[in-house]
Amino acid sequence: MNTEHLVKMANQIGSFFSTMPDRDQAIADLATHLKRFWEPRMRKAFLEHIEKTQGEGLDAIVLEAVNRHMQQLAV
């Protein structure tokens, strides 16, 4: 799995959700989007990247969403 591509996609998704006026809702919705639309293999590779690099290349909103909703995304 190409982690650079996953990071780019996650940042694009984060950019969309960052326009929402309620940041907490945006973060929750971003995590829900990753859970619903990314297959488990993609999420696993993405979470491994975050663990190994402390989220290198990720926008703040994406990293915050992952950190807040790690249990939801890891399943």
PDB file of N, CA and C in Angstrom:
ATOM      1  N   MET A   1       0.862  -1.177   0.000  1.00  0.00           N
ATOM      2  CA  MET A   1       0.000   0.000   0.000  1.00  0.00           C
ATOM      3  C   MET A   1       0.906   1.237   0.000  1.00  0.00           C
ATOM      4  N   ASN A   2       0.646   2.156  -0.896  1.00  0.00           N
ATOM      5  CA  ASN A   2       1.440   3.375  -1.027  1.00  0.00           C
ATOM      6  C   ASN A   2       0.986   4.392   0.021  1.00  0.00           C
ATOM      7  N   THR A   3       1.793   4.567   1.058  1.00  0.00           N
ATOM      8  CA  THR A   3       1.391   5.460   2.148  1.00  0.00           C
ATOM      9  C   THR A   3       1.376   6.921   1.715  1.00  0.00           C
ATOM     10  N   GLU A   4       2.226   7.299   0.772  1.00  0.00           N
ATOM     11  CA  GLU A   4       2.196   8.685   0.284  1.00  0.00           C
ATOM     12  C   GLU A   4       0.826   9.002  -0.318  1.00  0.00           C
ATOM     13  N   HIS A   5       0.286   8.053  -1.042  1.00  0.00           N
ATOM     14  CA  HIS A   5      -1.036   8.245  -1.647  1.00  0.00           C
ATOM     15  C   HIS A   5      -2.115   8.312  -0.560  1.00  0.00           C
ATOM     16  N   LEU A   6      -2.002   7.470   0.456  1.00  0.00           N
ATOM     17  CA  LEU A   6      -2.977   7.492   1.551  1.00  0.00           C
ATOM     18  C   LEU A   6      -2.926   8.825   2.290  1.00  0.00           C
ATOM     19  N   VAL A   7      -1.722   9.325   2.530  1.00  0.00           N
ATOM     20  CA  VAL A   7      -1.562  10.620   3.205  1.00  0.00           C
ATOM     21  C   VAL A   7      -2.189  11.727   2.360  1.00  0.00           C
ATOM     22  N   LYS A   8      -1.931  11.700   1.064  1.00  0.00           N
ATOM     23  CA  LYS A   8      -2.500  12.715   0.170  1.00  0.00           C
ATOM     24  C   LYS A   8      -4.027  12.659   0.194  1.00  0.00           C
ATOM     25  N   MET A   9      -4.579  11.452   0.096  1.00  0.00           N
ATOM     26  CA  MET A   9      -6.043  11.313   0.123  1.00  0.00           C
ATOM     27  C   MET A   9      -6.608  11.780   1.460  1.00  0.00           C
ATOM     28  N   ALA A  10      -5.967  11.394   2.563  1.00  0.00           N
ATOM     29  CA  ALA A  10      -6.447  11.799   3.888  1.00  0.00           C
ATOM     30  C   ALA A  10      -6.428  13.317   4.024  1.00  0.00           C
ATOM     31  N   ASN A  11      -5.380  13.962   3.518  1.00  0.00           N
ATOM     32  CA  ASN A  11      -5.307  15.421   3.585  1.00  0.00           C
ATOM     33  C   ASN A  11      -6.381  16.079   2.723  1.00  0.00           C
ATOM     34  N   GLN A  12      -6.703  15.485   1.582  1.00  0.00           N
ATOM     35  CA  GLN A  12      -7.783  16.022   0.746  1.00  0.00           C
ATOM     36  C   GLN A  12      -9.122  15.910   1.471  1.00  0.00           C
ATOM     37  N   ILE A  13      -9.341  14.788   2.119  1.00  0.00           N
ATOM     38  CA  ILE A  13     -10.568  14.601   2.900  1.00  0.00           C
ATOM     39  C   ILE A  13     -10.589  15.597   4.055  1.00  0.00           C
ATOM     40  N   GLY A  14      -9.461  15.740   4.728  1.00  0.00           N
ATOM     41  CA  GLY A  14      -9.350  16.694   5.825  1.00  0.00           C
ATOM     42  C   GLY A  14      -9.615  18.120   5.376  1.00  0.00           C
ATOM     43  N   SER A  15      -9.138  18.465   4.202  1.00  0.00           N
ATOM     44  CA  SER A  15      -9.361  19.804   3.656  1.00  0.00           C
ATOM     45  C   SER A  15     -10.856  20.067   3.467  1.00  0.00           C
ATOM     46  N   PHE A  16     -11.567  19.066   2.973  1.00  0.00           N
ATOM     47  CA  PHE A  16     -13.013  19.201   2.810  1.00  0.00           C
ATOM     48  C   PHE A  16     -13.690  19.429   4.161  1.00  0.00           C
ATOM     49  N   PHE A  17     -13.383  18.579   5.129  1.00  0.00           N
ATOM     50  CA  PHE A  17     -14.057  18.674   6.423  1.00  0.00           C
ATOM     51  C   PHE A  17     -13.619  19.903   7.221  1.00  0.00           C
ATOM     52  N   SER A  18     -12.444  20.445   6.927  1.00  0.00           N
ATOM     53  CA  SER A  18     -11.970  21.618   7.668  1.00  0.00           C
ATOM     54  C   SER A  18     -12.810  22.859   7.388  1.00  0.00           C
ATOM     55  N   THR A  19     -13.621  22.826   6.342  1.00  0.00           N
ATOM     56  CA  THR A  19     -14.479  23.979   6.035  1.00  0.00           C
ATOM     57  C   THR A  19     -15.743  24.010   6.887  1.00  0.00           C
ATOM     58  N   MET A  20     -15.996  22.935   7.623  1.00  0.00           N
ATOM     59  CA  MET A  20     -17.191  22.895   8.474  1.00  0.00           C
ATOM     60  C   MET A  20     -17.023  23.867   9.641  1.00  0.00           C
ATOM     61  N   PRO A  21     -18.076  24.571  10.022  1.00  0.00           N
ATOM     62  CA  PRO A  21     -17.958  25.548  11.106  1.00  0.00           C
ATOM     63  C   PRO A  21     -17.706  24.921  12.482  1.00  0.00           C
ATOM     64  N   ASP A  22     -18.174  23.720  12.713  1.00  0.00           N
ATOM     65  CA  ASP A  22     -17.994  23.045  13.999  1.00  0.00           C
ATOM     66  C   ASP A  22     -16.814  22.076  13.881  1.00  0.00           C
ATOM     67  N   ARG A  23     -15.670  22.465  14.452  1.00  0.00           N
ATOM     68  CA  ARG A  23     -14.450  21.662  14.302  1.00  0.00           C
ATOM     69  C   ARG A  23     -14.604  20.270  14.911  1.00  0.00           C
ATOM     70  N   ASP A  24     -15.235  20.164  16.060  1.00  0.00           N
ATOM     71  CA  ASP A  24     -15.416  18.846  16.676  1.00  0.00           C
ATOM     72  C   ASP A  24     -16.241  17.925  15.781  1.00  0.00           C
ATOM     73  N   GLN A  25     -17.284  18.468  15.172  1.00  0.00           N
ATOM     74  CA  GLN A  25     -18.107  17.673  14.257  1.00  0.00           C
ATOM     75  C   GLN A  25     -17.309  17.305  13.012  1.00  0.00           C
ATOM     76  N   ALA A  26     -16.498  18.233  12.534  1.00  0.00           N
ATOM     77  CA  ALA A  26     -15.662  17.966  11.357  1.00  0.00           C
ATOM     78  C   ALA A  26     -14.696  16.821  11.630  1.00  0.00           C
ATOM     79  N   ILE A  27     -14.104  16.815  12.805  1.00  0.00           N
ATOM     80  CA  ILE A  27     -13.155  15.766  13.177  1.00  0.00           C
ATOM     81  C   ILE A  27     -13.867  14.418  13.277  1.00  0.00           C
ATOM     82  N   ALA A  28     -15.033  14.411  13.891  1.00  0.00           N
ATOM     83  CA  ALA A  28     -15.805  13.169  14.003  1.00  0.00           C
ATOM     84  C   ALA A  28     -16.231  12.669  12.625  1.00  0.00           C
ATOM     85  N   ASP A  29     -16.677  13.579  11.770  1.00  0.00           N
ATOM     86  CA  ASP A  29     -17.120  13.192  10.430  1.00  0.00           C
ATOM     87  C   ASP A  29     -15.960  12.695   9.574  1.00  0.00           C
ATOM     88  N   LEU A  30     -14.798  13.289   9.741  1.00  0.00           N
ATOM     89  CA  LEU A  30     -13.616  12.847   9.006  1.00  0.00           C
ATOM     90  C   LEU A  30     -13.276  11.405   9.387  1.00  0.00           C
ATOM     91  N   ALA A  31     -13.267  11.118  10.678  1.00  0.00           N
ATOM     92  CA  ALA A  31     -12.973   9.754  11.140  1.00  0.00           C
ATOM     93  C   ALA A  31     -14.028   8.773  10.632  1.00  0.00           C
ATOM     94  N   THR A  32     -15.282   9.181  10.667  1.00  0.00           N
ATOM     95  CA  THR A  32     -16.357   8.322  10.169  1.00  0.00           C
ATOM     96  C   THR A  32     -16.187   8.052   8.678  1.00  0.00           C
ATOM     97  N   HIS A  33     -15.789   9.063   7.941  1.00  0.00           N
ATOM     98  CA  HIS A  33     -15.560   8.884   6.501  1.00  0.00           C
ATOM     99  C   HIS A  33     -14.462   7.842   6.259  1.00  0.00           C
ATOM    100  N   LEU A  34     -13.356   7.955   6.982  1.00  0.00           N
ATOM    101  CA  LEU A  34     -12.262   6.983   6.821  1.00  0.00           C
ATOM    102  C   LEU A  34     -12.737   5.577   7.166  1.00  0.00           C
ATOM    103  N   LYS A  35     -13.529   5.457   8.197  1.00  0.00           N
ATOM    104  CA  LYS A  35     -14.035   4.146   8.613  1.00  0.00           C
ATOM    105  C   LYS A  35     -14.977   3.554   7.559  1.00  0.00           C
ATOM    106  N   ARG A  36     -15.852   4.374   7.024  1.00  0.00           N
ATOM    107  CA  ARG A  36     -16.861   3.879   6.074  1.00  0.00           C
ATOM    108  C   ARG A  36     -16.305   3.589   4.680  1.00  0.00           C
ATOM    109  N   PHE A  37     -15.402   4.430   4.218  1.00  0.00           N
ATOM    110  CA  PHE A  37     -15.018   4.371   2.810  1.00  0.00           C
ATOM    111  C   PHE A  37     -13.619   3.832   2.541  1.00  0.00           C
ATOM    112  N   TRP A  38     -12.809   3.677   3.564  1.00  0.00           N
ATOM    113  CA  TRP A  38     -11.491   3.078   3.377  1.00  0.00           C
ATOM    114  C   TRP A  38     -11.561   1.630   3.826  1.00  0.00           C
ATOM    115  N   GLU A  39     -11.102   0.736   2.989  1.00  0.00           N
ATOM    116  CA  GLU A  39     -11.114  -0.675   3.362  1.00  0.00           C
ATOM    117  C   GLU A  39     -10.121  -0.905   4.504  1.00  0.00           C
ATOM    118  N   PRO A  40     -10.319  -1.961   5.284  1.00  0.00           N
ATOM    119  CA  PRO A  40      -9.461  -2.215   6.448  1.00  0.00           C
ATOM    120  C   PRO A  40      -7.966  -2.217   6.128  1.00  0.00           C
ATOM    121  N   ARG A  41      -7.604  -2.745   4.974  1.00  0.00           N
ATOM    122  CA  ARG A  41      -6.189  -2.788   4.588  1.00  0.00           C
ATOM    123  C   ARG A  41      -5.604  -1.376   4.447  1.00  0.00           C
ATOM    124  N   MET A  42      -6.401  -0.464   3.901  1.00  0.00           N
ATOM    125  CA  MET A  42      -5.960   0.927   3.751  1.00  0.00           C
ATOM    126  C   MET A  42      -5.798   1.581   5.118  1.00  0.00           C
ATOM    127  N   ARG A  43      -6.789   1.382   5.980  1.00  0.00           N
ATOM    128  CA  ARG A  43      -6.713   1.978   7.320  1.00  0.00           C
ATOM    129  C   ARG A  43      -5.525   1.423   8.090  1.00  0.00           C
ATOM    130  N   LYS A  44      -5.276   0.124   7.963  1.00  0.00           N
ATOM    131  CA  LYS A  44      -4.153  -0.498   8.668  1.00  0.00           C
ATOM    132  C   LYS A  44      -2.831   0.120   8.223  1.00  0.00           C
ATOM    133  N   ALA A  45      -2.626   0.248   6.926  1.00  0.00           N
ATOM    134  CA  ALA A  45      -1.394   0.843   6.404  1.00  0.00           C
ATOM    135  C   ALA A  45      -1.276   2.304   6.839  1.00  0.00           C
ATOM    136  N   PHE A  46      -2.381   3.015   6.829  1.00  0.00           N
ATOM    137  CA  PHE A  46      -2.406   4.422   7.226  1.00  0.00           C
ATOM    138  C   PHE A  46      -2.048   4.570   8.704  1.00  0.00           C
ATOM    139  N   LEU A  47      -2.648   3.752   9.550  1.00  0.00           N
ATOM    140  CA  LEU A  47      -2.367   3.820  10.984  1.00  0.00           C
ATOM    141  C   LEU A  47      -0.932   3.396  11.289  1.00  0.00           C
ATOM    142  N   GLU A  48      -0.407   2.434  10.555  1.00  0.00           N
ATOM    143  CA  GLU A  48       0.995   2.036  10.730  1.00  0.00           C
ATOM    144  C   GLU A  48       1.927   3.183  10.355  1.00  0.00           C
ATOM    145  N   HIS A  49       1.594   3.895   9.298  1.00  0.00           N
ATOM    146  CA  HIS A  49       2.385   5.067   8.898  1.00  0.00           C
ATOM    147  C   HIS A  49       2.396   6.100  10.025  1.00  0.00           C
ATOM    148  N   ILE A  50       1.235   6.355  10.594  1.00  0.00           N
ATOM    149  CA  ILE A  50       1.139   7.342  11.671  1.00  0.00           C
ATOM    150  C   ILE A  50       1.967   6.899  12.871  1.00  0.00           C
ATOM    151  N   GLU A  51       1.880   5.625  13.209  1.00  0.00           N
ATOM    152  CA  GLU A  51       2.637   5.109  14.351  1.00  0.00           C
ATOM    153  C   GLU A  51       4.144   5.227  14.116  1.00  0.00           C
ATOM    154  N   LYS A  52       4.587   4.901  12.914  1.00  0.00           N
ATOM    155  CA  LYS A  52       6.026   4.915  12.608  1.00  0.00           C
ATOM    156  C   LYS A  52       6.590   6.323  12.468  1.00  0.00           C
ATOM    157  N   THR A  53       5.786   7.256  11.952  1.00  0.00           N
ATOM    158  CA  THR A  53       6.311   8.587  11.620  1.00  0.00           C
ATOM    159  C   THR A  53       5.692   9.714  12.443  1.00  0.00           C
ATOM    160  N   GLN A  54       4.851   9.380  13.402  1.00  0.00           N
ATOM    161  CA  GLN A  54       4.115  10.373  14.186  1.00  0.00           C
ATOM    162  C   GLN A  54       3.267  11.276  13.286  1.00  0.00           C
ATOM    163  N   GLY A  55       2.789  10.704  12.181  1.00  0.00           N
ATOM    164  CA  GLY A  55       1.871  11.423  11.306  1.00  0.00           C
ATOM    165  C   GLY A  55       2.540  12.341  10.302  1.00  0.00           C
ATOM    166  N   GLU A  56       3.748  12.029   9.948  1.00  0.00           N
ATOM    167  CA  GLU A  56       4.489  12.856   8.988  1.00  0.00           C
ATOM    168  C   GLU A  56       3.675  13.084   7.714  1.00  0.00           C
ATOM    169  N   GLY A  57       3.576  14.357   7.324  1.00  0.00           N
ATOM    170  CA  GLY A  57       2.882  14.718   6.095  1.00  0.00           C
ATOM    171  C   GLY A  57       1.395  14.963   6.248  1.00  0.00           C
ATOM    172  N   LEU A  58       0.852  14.661   7.412  1.00  0.00           N
ATOM    173  CA  LEU A  58      -0.594  14.817   7.607  1.00  0.00           C
ATOM    174  C   LEU A  58      -0.940  16.209   8.121  1.00  0.00           C
ATOM    175  N   ASP A  59      -2.042  16.728   7.630  1.00  0.00           N
ATOM    176  CA  ASP A  59      -2.558  17.991   8.141  1.00  0.00           C
ATOM    177  C   ASP A  59      -3.052  17.783   9.573  1.00  0.00           C
ATOM    178  N   ALA A  60      -3.056  18.866  10.337  1.00  0.00           N
ATOM    179  CA  ALA A  60      -3.404  18.796  11.759  1.00  0.00           C
ATOM    180  C   ALA A  60      -4.789  18.196  11.994  1.00  0.00           C
ATOM    181  N   ILE A  61      -5.762  18.560  11.176  1.00  0.00           N
ATOM    182  CA  ILE A  61      -7.127  18.061  11.391  1.00  0.00           C
ATOM    183  C   ILE A  61      -7.198  16.548  11.202  1.00  0.00           C
ATOM    184  N   VAL A  62      -6.433  16.019  10.257  1.00  0.00           N
ATOM    185  CA  VAL A  62      -6.425  14.573  10.012  1.00  0.00           C
ATOM    186  C   VAL A  62      -5.795  13.861  11.199  1.00  0.00           C
ATOM    187  N   LEU A  63      -4.674  14.360  11.648  1.00  0.00           N
ATOM    188  CA  LEU A  63      -3.992  13.736  12.780  1.00  0.00           C
ATOM    189  C   LEU A  63      -4.852  13.799  14.039  1.00  0.00           C
ATOM    190  N   GLU A  64      -5.519  14.916  14.247  1.00  0.00           N
ATOM    191  CA  GLU A  64      -6.406  15.041  15.406  1.00  0.00           C
ATOM    192  C   GLU A  64      -7.572  14.060  15.313  1.00  0.00           C
ATOM    193  N   ALA A  65      -8.141  13.910  14.130  1.00  0.00           N
ATOM    194  CA  ALA A  65      -9.249  12.963  13.939  1.00  0.00           C
ATOM    195  C   ALA A  65      -8.799  11.539  14.234  1.00  0.00           C
ATOM    196  N   VAL A  66      -7.637  11.175  13.749  1.00  0.00           N
ATOM    197  CA  VAL A  66      -7.122   9.822  13.989  1.00  0.00           C
ATOM    198  C   VAL A  66      -6.844   9.620  15.474  1.00  0.00           C
ATOM    199  N   ASN A  67      -6.206  10.585  16.103  1.00  0.00           N
ATOM    200  CA  ASN A  67      -5.888  10.442  17.527  1.00  0.00           C
ATOM    201  C   ASN A  67      -7.145  10.348  18.391  1.00  0.00           C
ATOM    202  N   ARG A  68      -8.152  11.129  18.074  1.00  0.00           N
ATOM    203  CA  ARG A  68      -9.391  11.106  18.861  1.00  0.00           C
ATOM    204  C   ARG A  68     -10.215   9.839  18.631  1.00  0.00           C
ATOM    205  N   HIS A  69     -10.107   9.266  17.437  1.00  0.00           N
ATOM    206  CA  HIS A  69     -10.984   8.156  17.055  1.00  0.00           C
ATOM    207  C   HIS A  69     -10.200   6.903  16.678  1.00  0.00           C
ATOM    208  N   MET A  70      -9.054   6.712  17.301  1.00  0.00           N
ATOM    209  CA  MET A  70      -8.176   5.587  16.971  1.00  0.00           C
ATOM    210  C   MET A  70      -8.897   4.246  17.098  1.00  0.00           C
ATOM    211  N   GLN A  71      -9.643   4.041  18.168  1.00  0.00           N
ATOM    212  CA  GLN A  71     -10.330   2.756  18.359  1.00  0.00           C
ATOM    213  C   GLN A  71     -11.316   2.483  17.234  1.00  0.00           C
ATOM    214  N   GLN A  72     -12.055   3.484  16.835  1.00  0.00           N
ATOM    215  CA  GLN A  72     -13.031   3.343  15.752  1.00  0.00           C
ATOM    216  C   GLN A  72     -12.330   2.965  14.449  1.00  0.00           C
ATOM    217  N   LEU A  73     -11.187   3.558  14.174  1.00  0.00           N
ATOM    218  CA  LEU A  73     -10.491   3.332  12.909  1.00  0.00           C
ATOM    219  C   LEU A  73      -9.720   2.020  12.883  1.00  0.00           C
ATOM    220  N   ALA A  74      -9.308   1.548  14.040  1.00  0.00           N
ATOM    221  CA  ALA A  74      -8.477   0.345  14.099  1.00  0.00           C
ATOM    222  C   ALA A  74      -9.276  -0.940  13.914  1.00  0.00           C
ATOM    223  N   VAL A  75     -10.580  -0.864  14.012  1.00  0.00           N
ATOM    224  CA  VAL A  75     -11.412  -2.068  13.905  1.00  0.00           C
ATOM    225  C   VAL A  75     -11.682  -2.404  12.455  1.00  0.00           C
TER     226      VAL A  75
END
